[in-house]
Amino acid sequence: MSTYVHDPMVLSQLFHLNSEPWLNEAAYRGAPFVQEFRSNPAAARIALPATLPGPLHELATNRRSVRAFQPAPMPLAALAALLRAGYGVHGPDPMEGGGHFLRRPVPSAGGLYPLEIYALVHRVEGLAAGIYHYDALGDALETVRAGDWQQEAASMFYTWPFVDQAPVILCLAAMFGRTQKKYGPRGYRYILLEAGHVAQNICLVAAEGGLASLCMGGYRDGALNRLLGLSAPAEGVVYTLGLGQAALPLAMGSPP
């Protein structure tokens, strides 16, 4: 037992491996859509002043999740912009104690950057269908596997009917030890937070380029990890995003 207590990976690995999607049918069928907010009418209130929305505010406001994509190819330059905005390498920047630091467009605990991005490519101009890894340092795509992957992936995503026509699905995979060797069990939280930062960057740049997105957490971990060639439990997908052109005009009343 003492071995497990002092191992920084055991608790998070146990949670990760045992948190496959929970299909609560009762919550989906016939349940009304309810949004909850916290408000205390008895508290003293200070109204916030009006502000002028800047470009980033407008992008965040206009971002929408879609559940149908056009069967249209994505320009390779658009995919490059999404990858660079999400997790591209910048610098080197000088460090206070000497040396240099390569940074990314997102905050990362300890500057350790534990994520790797894999692209399931269906329709991208100038790029054959297949599975690719984003080499951030080399600013290039590495072929993991050439050819069709969709038939296999269809059973891995619970949201597959929403993204079956998406030209690209990006998978954010965590190398857990990069962060947890320094921060222990809490490092698992930092990894998930970082994945959220990366996904939001990608969604905002997609909106800027006239593309739609769908962030997805409902997938079969083990099967998707094997498809990408990841070595579980040391590595694993923590977030996925479908990207492309929306099939229909986005309705302002649709859920985000």
Protein backbone atom coordinates (compact mmCIF):
# COMPACT_ATOMS: atom_id res chain seq x y z
CA MET A 1 0.00 0.00 0.00
CA SER A 2 2.82 2.44 0.82
CA THR A 3 4.09 2.14 -2.76
CA TYR A 4 0.78 3.41 -4.08
CA VAL A 5 0.58 6.24 -1.56
CA HIS A 6 3.89 7.68 -2.70
CA ASP A 7 3.37 7.09 -6.42
CA PRO A 8 2.20 10.42 -7.96
CA MET A 9 0.49 8.67 -10.87
CA VAL A 10 -1.63 5.93 -9.30
CA LEU A 11 -4.68 7.91 -8.18
CA SER A 12 -5.03 9.91 -11.37
CA GLN A 13 -4.51 6.83 -13.55
CA LEU A 14 -7.20 4.98 -11.60
CA PHE A 15 -9.62 7.86 -12.11
CA HIS A 16 -8.71 8.30 -15.78
CA LEU A 17 -9.13 4.62 -16.63
CA ASN A 18 -12.43 4.41 -14.75
CA SER A 19 -14.07 7.55 -16.12
CA GLU A 20 -15.25 6.27 -19.49
CA PRO A 21 -18.36 8.14 -20.73
CA TRP A 22 -21.42 7.52 -18.59
CA LEU A 23 -24.44 7.10 -20.82
CA ASN A 24 -27.26 8.21 -18.58
CA GLU A 25 -30.19 7.67 -20.93
CA ALA A 26 -32.70 9.13 -18.49
CA ALA A 27 -30.85 12.45 -18.57
CA TYR A 28 -31.00 12.64 -22.36
CA ARG A 29 -34.45 11.35 -23.27
CA GLY A 30 -37.24 13.81 -22.63
CA ALA A 31 -35.34 15.79 -20.02
CA PRO A 32 -35.90 19.56 -20.30
CA PHE A 33 -32.92 21.79 -21.04
CA VAL A 34 -32.19 23.65 -17.81
CA GLN A 35 -29.38 26.13 -17.13
CA GLU A 36 -28.57 27.01 -13.53
CA PHE A 37 -27.08 30.24 -12.19
CA ARG A 38 -26.23 31.45 -8.71
CA SER A 39 -27.64 34.79 -7.59
CA ASN A 40 -28.26 36.30 -4.16
CA PRO A 41 -30.98 38.98 -4.38
CA ALA A 42 -30.35 39.97 -0.76
CA ALA A 43 -26.71 40.89 -1.37
CA ALA A 44 -25.58 44.45 -2.05
CA ARG A 45 -25.22 44.83 -5.82
CA ILE A 46 -22.86 46.92 -7.92
CA ALA A 47 -23.87 47.22 -11.56
CA LEU A 48 -20.95 46.80 -13.94
CA PRO A 49 -20.25 49.62 -16.42
CA ALA A 50 -20.78 49.24 -20.13
CA THR A 51 -17.70 48.27 -22.16
CA LEU A 52 -16.80 48.35 -25.82
CA PRO A 53 -16.31 44.84 -27.19
CA GLY A 54 -12.90 44.25 -28.76
CA PRO A 55 -12.08 41.70 -31.48
CA LEU A 56 -11.39 38.88 -29.01
CA HIS A 57 -14.64 39.57 -27.15
CA GLU A 58 -16.56 39.38 -30.42
CA LEU A 59 -14.90 36.09 -31.37
CA ALA A 60 -15.75 34.58 -27.99
CA THR A 61 -19.34 35.79 -28.31
CA ASN A 62 -19.72 34.44 -31.84
CA ARG A 63 -18.23 31.01 -31.10
CA ARG A 64 -20.82 28.26 -31.42
CA SER A 65 -20.79 24.48 -31.25
CA VAL A 66 -22.32 22.82 -34.31
CA ARG A 67 -23.67 19.35 -34.77
CA ALA A 68 -23.39 19.05 -38.54
CA PHE A 69 -20.52 19.88 -40.88
CA GLN A 70 -20.39 20.41 -44.62
CA PRO A 71 -18.57 17.68 -46.60
CA ALA A 72 -16.15 20.35 -47.83
CA PRO A 73 -12.35 20.23 -47.67
CA MET A 74 -10.43 22.44 -45.26
CA PRO A 75 -7.46 24.41 -46.65
CA LEU A 76 -4.16 23.15 -45.27
CA ALA A 77 -3.33 26.72 -44.24
CA ALA A 78 -6.47 26.78 -42.06
CA LEU A 79 -5.40 23.59 -40.30
CA ALA A 80 -1.93 25.05 -39.81
CA ALA A 81 -3.43 28.18 -38.22
CA LEU A 82 -5.52 26.08 -35.82
CA LEU A 83 -2.56 23.97 -34.73
CA ARG A 84 -0.25 26.95 -34.25
CA ALA A 85 -2.83 28.91 -32.28
CA GLY A 86 -3.54 25.89 -30.10
CA TYR A 87 -0.04 24.66 -29.31
CA GLY A 88 2.57 26.18 -31.59
CA VAL A 89 6.08 26.95 -30.32
CA HIS A 90 7.21 30.55 -29.83
CA GLY A 91 10.46 32.09 -28.71
CA PRO A 92 13.03 31.41 -27.46
CA ASP A 93 12.52 33.90 -24.65
CA PRO A 94 15.32 34.71 -22.20
CA MET A 95 14.95 33.40 -18.65
CA GLU A 96 15.82 35.36 -15.50
CA GLY A 97 18.35 32.81 -14.31
CA GLY A 98 19.94 32.46 -17.70
CA GLY A 99 19.14 30.26 -20.67
CA HIS A 100 16.11 30.40 -22.92
CA PHE A 101 12.54 29.16 -22.80
CA LEU A 102 10.31 27.94 -25.63
CA ARG A 103 6.73 28.91 -24.89
CA ARG A 104 3.32 28.04 -26.29
CA PRO A 105 0.14 30.16 -26.73
CA VAL A 106 -1.33 28.75 -23.49
CA PRO A 107 -0.33 28.75 -19.81
CA SER A 108 1.23 25.50 -18.64
CA ALA A 109 2.14 24.43 -15.10
CA GLY A 110 5.91 24.69 -14.83
CA GLY A 111 6.17 25.35 -18.56
CA LEU A 112 6.16 21.58 -19.10
CA TYR A 113 3.56 21.43 -21.91
CA PRO A 114 2.30 17.85 -21.50
CA LEU A 115 0.00 17.73 -24.53
CA GLU A 116 0.46 16.39 -28.04
CA ILE A 117 -2.05 17.04 -30.85
CA TYR A 118 -3.12 14.31 -33.26
CA ALA A 119 -5.19 15.07 -36.35
CA LEU A 120 -7.71 12.66 -37.83
CA VAL A 121 -7.76 14.06 -41.36
CA HIS A 122 -10.68 13.33 -43.67
CA ARG A 123 -10.70 16.21 -46.14
CA VAL A 124 -7.81 18.68 -46.14
CA GLU A 125 -6.54 20.22 -49.35
CA GLY A 126 -3.08 18.94 -50.25
CA LEU A 127 -3.11 16.35 -47.46
CA ALA A 128 -3.96 12.66 -47.87
CA ALA A 129 -6.55 11.17 -45.55
CA GLY A 130 -4.94 9.64 -42.51
CA ILE A 131 -3.80 10.14 -38.95
CA TYR A 132 -1.13 12.75 -38.23
CA HIS A 133 0.86 14.01 -35.26
CA TYR A 134 1.61 17.72 -34.94
CA ASP A 135 5.35 18.17 -34.45
CA ALA A 136 5.14 21.55 -32.74
CA LEU A 137 8.89 22.13 -32.57
CA GLY A 138 9.35 21.26 -36.24
CA ASP A 139 6.07 22.99 -37.23
CA ALA A 140 5.11 20.00 -39.36
CA LEU A 141 2.70 17.09 -39.56
CA GLU A 142 4.09 13.59 -39.09
CA THR A 143 2.22 10.67 -40.63
CA VAL A 144 1.10 8.19 -38.00
CA ARG A 145 -1.04 6.13 -40.35
CA ALA A 146 -2.07 6.70 -43.94
CA GLY A 147 -5.52 5.92 -45.29
CA ASP A 148 -9.09 5.83 -44.07
CA TRP A 149 -9.74 5.77 -40.34
CA GLN A 150 -13.41 6.71 -40.27
CA GLN A 151 -14.90 3.23 -40.21
CA GLU A 152 -12.93 2.43 -37.07
CA ALA A 153 -13.54 5.80 -35.43
CA ALA A 154 -17.31 5.67 -35.94
CA SER A 155 -17.71 3.36 -32.95
CA MET A 156 -15.24 5.33 -30.80
CA PHE A 157 -17.10 8.66 -30.69
CA TYR A 158 -20.52 8.89 -29.05
CA THR A 159 -20.96 12.11 -31.02
CA TRP A 160 -19.99 10.50 -34.35
CA PRO A 161 -23.23 11.44 -36.18
CA PHE A 162 -22.38 15.09 -35.51
CA VAL A 163 -18.83 14.92 -36.94
CA ASP A 164 -18.95 12.21 -39.60
CA GLN A 165 -18.54 14.90 -42.29
CA ALA A 166 -16.03 17.05 -40.41
CA PRO A 167 -12.83 17.44 -42.45
CA VAL A 168 -10.66 17.20 -39.31
CA ILE A 169 -10.96 15.89 -35.78
CA LEU A 170 -8.18 17.03 -33.45
CA CYS A 171 -7.29 14.86 -30.46
CA LEU A 172 -5.45 16.40 -27.52
CA ALA A 173 -3.38 13.66 -25.91
CA ALA A 174 -1.64 14.01 -22.56
CA MET A 175 1.79 12.66 -21.69
CA PHE A 176 0.88 12.50 -18.00
CA GLY A 177 4.37 12.06 -16.61
CA ARG A 178 5.62 15.36 -18.04
CA THR A 179 3.57 17.29 -15.51
CA GLN A 180 2.98 14.75 -12.76
CA LYS A 181 6.65 13.99 -12.19
CA LYS A 182 6.84 17.52 -10.75
CA TYR A 183 3.34 18.17 -9.41
CA GLY A 184 2.18 14.68 -8.46
CA PRO A 185 -1.55 13.90 -8.35
CA ARG A 186 -2.52 17.57 -8.66
CA GLY A 187 -0.63 17.67 -11.94
CA TYR A 188 -3.54 15.73 -13.45
CA ARG A 189 -5.77 18.75 -12.83
CA TYR A 190 -3.22 21.03 -14.46
CA ILE A 191 -3.19 18.84 -17.57
CA LEU A 192 -6.97 19.03 -17.95
CA LEU A 193 -6.92 22.80 -17.44
CA GLU A 194 -4.28 23.14 -20.13
CA ALA A 195 -6.30 21.06 -22.57
CA GLY A 196 -9.17 23.51 -22.05
CA HIS A 197 -6.89 26.45 -22.82
CA VAL A 198 -5.71 24.81 -26.04
CA ALA A 199 -9.23 23.90 -27.13
CA GLN A 200 -10.51 27.42 -26.56
CA ASN A 201 -7.68 28.90 -28.62
CA ILE A 202 -8.50 26.53 -31.44
CA CYS A 203 -12.22 27.35 -31.27
CA LEU A 204 -11.58 31.10 -31.36
CA VAL A 205 -9.21 30.89 -34.33
CA ALA A 206 -11.74 28.66 -36.08
CA ALA A 207 -14.41 31.32 -35.53
CA GLU A 208 -12.04 33.98 -36.82
CA GLY A 209 -11.55 31.95 -40.01
CA GLY A 210 -15.26 31.34 -40.56
CA LEU A 211 -15.08 27.73 -39.36
CA ALA A 212 -17.24 25.93 -36.82
CA SER A 213 -16.20 23.62 -34.02
CA LEU A 214 -17.55 20.96 -31.70
CA CYS A 215 -15.66 20.11 -28.51
CA MET A 216 -16.20 16.48 -27.54
CA GLY A 217 -15.52 14.53 -24.37
CA GLY A 218 -17.62 11.48 -25.25
CA TYR A 219 -15.29 8.89 -26.75
CA ARG A 220 -14.03 5.40 -25.93
CA ASP A 221 -10.65 6.12 -24.39
CA GLY A 222 -8.99 2.76 -24.89
CA ALA A 223 -10.02 2.35 -28.51
CA LEU A 224 -9.11 5.92 -29.48
CA ASN A 225 -5.74 5.68 -27.75
CA ARG A 226 -4.98 2.51 -29.70
CA LEU A 227 -6.03 4.14 -32.97
CA LEU A 228 -3.51 6.93 -32.36
CA GLY A 229 -0.79 4.55 -31.22
CA LEU A 230 -0.64 5.91 -27.67
CA SER A 231 0.88 3.92 -24.82
CA ALA A 232 -1.82 3.86 -22.15
CA PRO A 233 -1.94 4.50 -19.25
CA ALA A 234 1.14 6.73 -19.50
CA GLU A 235 -0.47 8.56 -22.45
CA GLY A 236 -4.10 9.21 -23.27
CA VAL A 237 -6.55 11.46 -25.11
CA VAL A 238 -8.17 14.04 -22.82
CA TYR A 239 -10.15 16.18 -25.30
CA THR A 240 -11.27 16.08 -28.94
CA LEU A 241 -12.56 18.72 -31.38
CA GLY A 242 -14.40 18.44 -34.68
CA LEU A 243 -13.66 21.33 -37.07
CA GLY A 244 -14.93 22.50 -40.44
CA GLN A 245 -17.65 24.50 -42.11
CA ALA A 246 -21.08 24.39 -40.49
CA ALA A 247 -23.69 22.56 -42.54
CA LEU A 248 -26.45 25.04 -41.61
CA PRO A 249 -26.50 28.65 -40.48
CA LEU A 250 -25.91 28.78 -36.74
CA ALA A 251 -29.06 29.46 -34.76
CA MET A 252 -28.64 32.01 -31.99
CA GLY A 253 -30.86 29.94 -29.71
CA SER A 254 -28.90 26.70 -30.07
CA PRO A 255 -26.93 25.37 -27.07
CA PRO A 256 -23.26 26.37 -27.08
